[in-house]
Amino acid sequence: MAEFFDLLKKRRSIRDFDEKQVPLKLIRKIIKDSCLAPSAGNGQPWRFIIVKNKQWIQRLSDESKKNFLSYLQQNPDTPIKQYEAALRNKEFNVFYNAPCLVYILGPHNIESAYVDCTLAACYFMFCAAAMGLGTCWVGLGSNIRDPEILRAIGIPDDHRIVAPIVVGHPKTIPPAPHRKEPQILNIIS
């Protein structure tokens, strides 16, 4: 049991990766283990797209940045505003130049898909950490709209990106951030 709690404390969001590639076989194993996650009615609606090509990862980063900047122009008071400088920086890659990106997708028409896919994403991140890899859920990498790009990477029309997760060998593992005490609103006995 101690190993499980050690893993909970060990997992970090990694934003600095070695150039070393993660073998596709290992990514497939992590995905397979991620599918052990619970889902509503055991529907298992998650789908996965693996991107291991640096040029494609850069293209997806550029597309997402472009779309978020467009959104910012129309919604200047959005919380995304805090990322504007980074999004305008041509050198900034929203995927932190990671060697691998995994999109976890869910169908539009399944109400629980977002939660189900989020659970699979959590399992993915813990499985990767257990194997000595680093991950980061990159919300800024989810804004892909170009139909040609969506088709090219294989996102079905009836699916949406729930979790863009980068994975690779971490250069460093940051210390644990401070965690707030749980906010228990009520106890009914």
Protein backbone atom coordinates (compact mmCIF):
# COMPACT_ATOMS: atom_id res chain seq x y z
CA MET A 1 0.00 0.00 0.00
CA ALA A 2 2.89 2.35 0.74
CA GLU A 3 3.97 2.23 -2.93
CA PHE A 4 0.60 3.60 -4.03
CA PHE A 5 0.82 6.55 -1.64
CA ASP A 6 4.41 7.18 -2.70
CA LEU A 7 3.19 7.33 -6.31
CA LEU A 8 0.50 9.86 -5.36
CA LYS A 9 3.21 12.07 -3.88
CA LYS A 10 5.72 11.42 -6.70
CA ARG A 11 3.60 12.43 -9.71
CA ARG A 12 4.34 15.95 -10.93
CA SER A 13 3.49 18.11 -13.92
CA ILE A 14 6.67 18.02 -15.98
CA ARG A 15 7.49 20.86 -18.37
CA ASP A 16 11.13 20.08 -19.15
CA PHE A 17 11.92 16.88 -21.04
CA ASP A 18 14.99 15.06 -22.32
CA GLU A 19 15.18 14.54 -26.08
CA LYS A 20 15.07 10.76 -25.52
CA GLN A 21 12.09 9.15 -27.25
CA VAL A 22 9.53 7.10 -25.37
CA PRO A 23 9.07 3.75 -27.14
CA LEU A 24 5.67 3.34 -28.77
CA LYS A 25 5.33 -0.03 -27.03
CA LEU A 26 5.58 1.73 -23.65
CA ILE A 27 3.00 4.38 -24.64
CA ARG A 28 0.64 1.60 -25.73
CA LYS A 29 1.12 -0.14 -22.36
CA ILE A 30 0.34 3.08 -20.48
CA ILE A 31 -2.79 3.57 -22.60
CA LYS A 32 -3.89 -0.01 -22.01
CA ASP A 33 -3.47 0.45 -18.26
CA SER A 34 -5.33 3.79 -18.47
CA CYS A 35 -8.34 1.91 -19.76
CA LEU A 36 -8.69 0.30 -16.33
CA ALA A 37 -10.21 3.62 -15.20
CA PRO A 38 -13.86 3.60 -14.17
CA SER A 39 -16.46 5.05 -16.51
CA ALA A 40 -20.20 5.65 -16.34
CA GLY A 41 -22.04 2.44 -17.07
CA ASN A 42 -18.65 0.94 -18.02
CA GLY A 43 -19.05 2.77 -21.35
CA GLN A 44 -15.29 3.31 -21.76
CA PRO A 45 -15.83 6.13 -24.29
CA TRP A 46 -12.18 7.21 -24.44
CA ARG A 47 -10.15 7.20 -27.63
CA PHE A 48 -6.45 8.01 -27.99
CA ILE A 49 -4.24 9.68 -30.58
CA ILE A 50 -0.47 9.40 -30.20
CA VAL A 51 1.76 12.08 -31.77
CA LYS A 52 5.49 11.31 -31.72
CA ASN A 53 6.53 13.58 -34.57
CA LYS A 54 8.23 16.85 -33.47
CA GLN A 55 7.00 18.79 -36.52
CA TRP A 56 3.42 17.72 -35.87
CA ILE A 57 3.68 18.58 -32.19
CA GLN A 58 4.93 22.05 -33.18
CA ARG A 59 2.15 22.44 -35.74
CA LEU A 60 -0.47 21.50 -33.14
CA SER A 61 1.07 23.96 -30.69
CA ASP A 62 0.97 26.76 -33.28
CA GLU A 63 -2.66 25.97 -34.18
CA SER A 64 -3.75 25.99 -30.55
CA LYS A 65 -1.88 29.24 -29.81
CA LYS A 66 -3.45 30.93 -32.85
CA ASN A 67 -6.95 29.91 -31.77
CA PHE A 68 -6.49 30.96 -28.16
CA LEU A 69 -5.13 34.36 -29.27
CA SER A 70 -8.18 34.80 -31.49
CA TYR A 71 -10.41 33.91 -28.54
CA LEU A 72 -8.53 36.44 -26.37
CA GLN A 73 -9.24 39.23 -28.85
CA GLN A 74 -12.96 38.52 -28.61
CA ASN A 75 -12.94 37.90 -24.83
CA PRO A 76 -10.32 40.18 -23.24
CA ASP A 77 -11.47 39.44 -19.67
CA THR A 78 -11.02 35.66 -19.95
CA PRO A 79 -8.76 33.90 -17.40
CA ILE A 80 -6.67 32.77 -20.39
CA LYS A 81 -5.42 36.37 -20.48
CA GLN A 82 -2.70 35.35 -18.01
CA TYR A 83 -1.12 33.25 -20.80
CA GLU A 84 -1.17 35.95 -23.46
CA ALA A 85 2.56 36.78 -23.35
CA ALA A 86 3.49 33.11 -23.67
CA LEU A 87 0.97 32.55 -26.46
CA ARG A 88 2.41 35.51 -28.40
CA ASN A 89 5.97 34.22 -27.99
CA LYS A 90 6.89 32.44 -31.25
CA GLU A 91 9.44 30.31 -29.37
CA PHE A 92 6.91 29.03 -26.83
CA ASN A 93 5.67 25.51 -27.54
CA VAL A 94 2.54 24.78 -25.51
CA PHE A 95 3.68 21.13 -25.36
CA TYR A 96 7.05 22.08 -23.82
CA ASN A 97 8.95 20.40 -26.67
CA ALA A 98 8.01 17.00 -25.26
CA PRO A 99 8.87 14.00 -27.44
CA CYS A 100 5.33 12.61 -27.30
CA LEU A 101 1.79 13.96 -27.09
CA VAL A 102 -1.26 11.85 -26.36
CA TYR A 103 -4.72 13.22 -26.98
CA ILE A 104 -7.52 11.60 -25.01
CA LEU A 105 -10.82 12.12 -26.83
CA GLY A 106 -14.45 11.55 -26.02
CA PRO A 107 -17.63 11.60 -28.10
CA HIS A 108 -19.78 14.74 -28.06
CA ASN A 109 -22.99 12.80 -27.57
CA ILE A 110 -22.06 10.99 -24.35
CA GLU A 111 -22.79 13.25 -21.40
CA SER A 112 -20.30 11.54 -19.08
CA ALA A 113 -17.47 11.44 -21.65
CA TYR A 114 -15.62 14.42 -20.20
CA VAL A 115 -15.52 12.88 -16.72
CA ASP A 116 -14.81 9.38 -18.05
CA CYS A 117 -11.90 10.62 -20.17
CA THR A 118 -10.59 12.68 -17.28
CA LEU A 119 -10.45 9.53 -15.16
CA ALA A 120 -8.53 7.77 -17.95
CA ALA A 121 -6.18 10.78 -18.10
CA CYS A 122 -5.50 10.48 -14.36
CA TYR A 123 -4.75 6.79 -14.75
CA PHE A 124 -2.49 7.64 -17.70
CA MET A 125 -0.48 10.14 -15.67
CA PHE A 126 -0.09 7.78 -12.70
CA CYS A 127 0.87 4.84 -14.95
CA ALA A 128 3.51 6.98 -16.66
CA ALA A 129 4.88 8.18 -13.30
CA ALA A 130 5.07 4.57 -12.08
CA MET A 131 7.27 3.85 -15.11
CA GLY A 132 9.60 6.77 -14.40
CA LEU A 133 8.13 9.05 -17.06
CA GLY A 134 6.87 12.60 -16.70
CA THR A 135 3.56 13.98 -17.93
CA CYS A 136 1.67 17.23 -18.05
CA TRP A 137 -1.96 17.82 -18.95
CA VAL A 138 -1.70 20.82 -21.29
CA GLY A 139 -5.07 22.56 -21.49
CA LEU A 140 -3.57 25.16 -23.85
CA GLY A 141 -3.04 22.36 -26.37
CA SER A 142 -6.69 21.49 -26.82
CA ASN A 143 -7.81 24.30 -29.12
CA ILE A 144 -7.44 22.62 -32.52
CA ARG A 145 -10.02 23.86 -35.05
CA ASP A 146 -8.52 23.56 -38.50
CA PRO A 147 -10.54 20.80 -40.23
CA GLU A 148 -7.51 19.71 -42.26
CA ILE A 149 -5.41 19.26 -39.11
CA LEU A 150 -8.23 17.51 -37.27
CA ARG A 151 -8.61 15.07 -40.18
CA ALA A 152 -4.87 14.56 -40.55
CA ILE A 153 -4.37 13.55 -36.93
CA GLY A 154 -7.49 11.38 -36.95
CA ILE A 155 -9.97 13.16 -34.68
CA PRO A 156 -13.46 11.99 -35.66
CA ASP A 157 -16.05 14.74 -36.28
CA ASP A 158 -18.17 13.48 -33.40
CA HIS A 159 -15.33 13.60 -30.82
CA ARG A 160 -13.63 16.34 -28.86
CA ILE A 161 -10.26 16.65 -27.19
CA VAL A 162 -10.61 16.20 -23.46
CA ALA A 163 -7.00 15.82 -22.34
CA PRO A 164 -3.86 16.70 -24.28
CA ILE A 165 -1.09 15.05 -22.26
CA VAL A 166 2.62 15.28 -22.99
CA VAL A 167 4.84 12.43 -21.91
CA GLY A 168 8.58 11.92 -21.84
CA HIS A 169 11.66 11.48 -19.74
CA PRO A 170 11.87 14.41 -17.30
CA LYS A 171 15.09 16.43 -17.13
CA THR A 172 14.16 17.38 -13.60
CA ILE A 173 11.28 16.70 -11.27
CA PRO A 174 10.05 19.82 -9.50
CA PRO A 175 9.36 19.77 -5.77
CA ALA A 176 5.83 19.24 -4.60
CA PRO A 177 3.79 22.44 -4.54
CA HIS A 178 2.03 23.45 -1.36
CA ARG A 179 -1.36 21.82 -1.00
CA LYS A 180 -4.23 23.51 0.79
CA GLU A 181 -6.08 21.72 3.54
CA PRO A 182 -9.26 20.00 2.32
CA GLN A 183 -12.34 22.21 2.46
CA ILE A 184 -14.95 19.95 4.04
CA LEU A 185 -18.16 21.95 3.89
CA ASN A 186 -20.28 19.74 6.09
CA ILE A 187 -20.35 16.41 7.87
CA ILE A 188 -23.73 14.80 8.25
CA SER A 189 -23.74 11.91 10.71
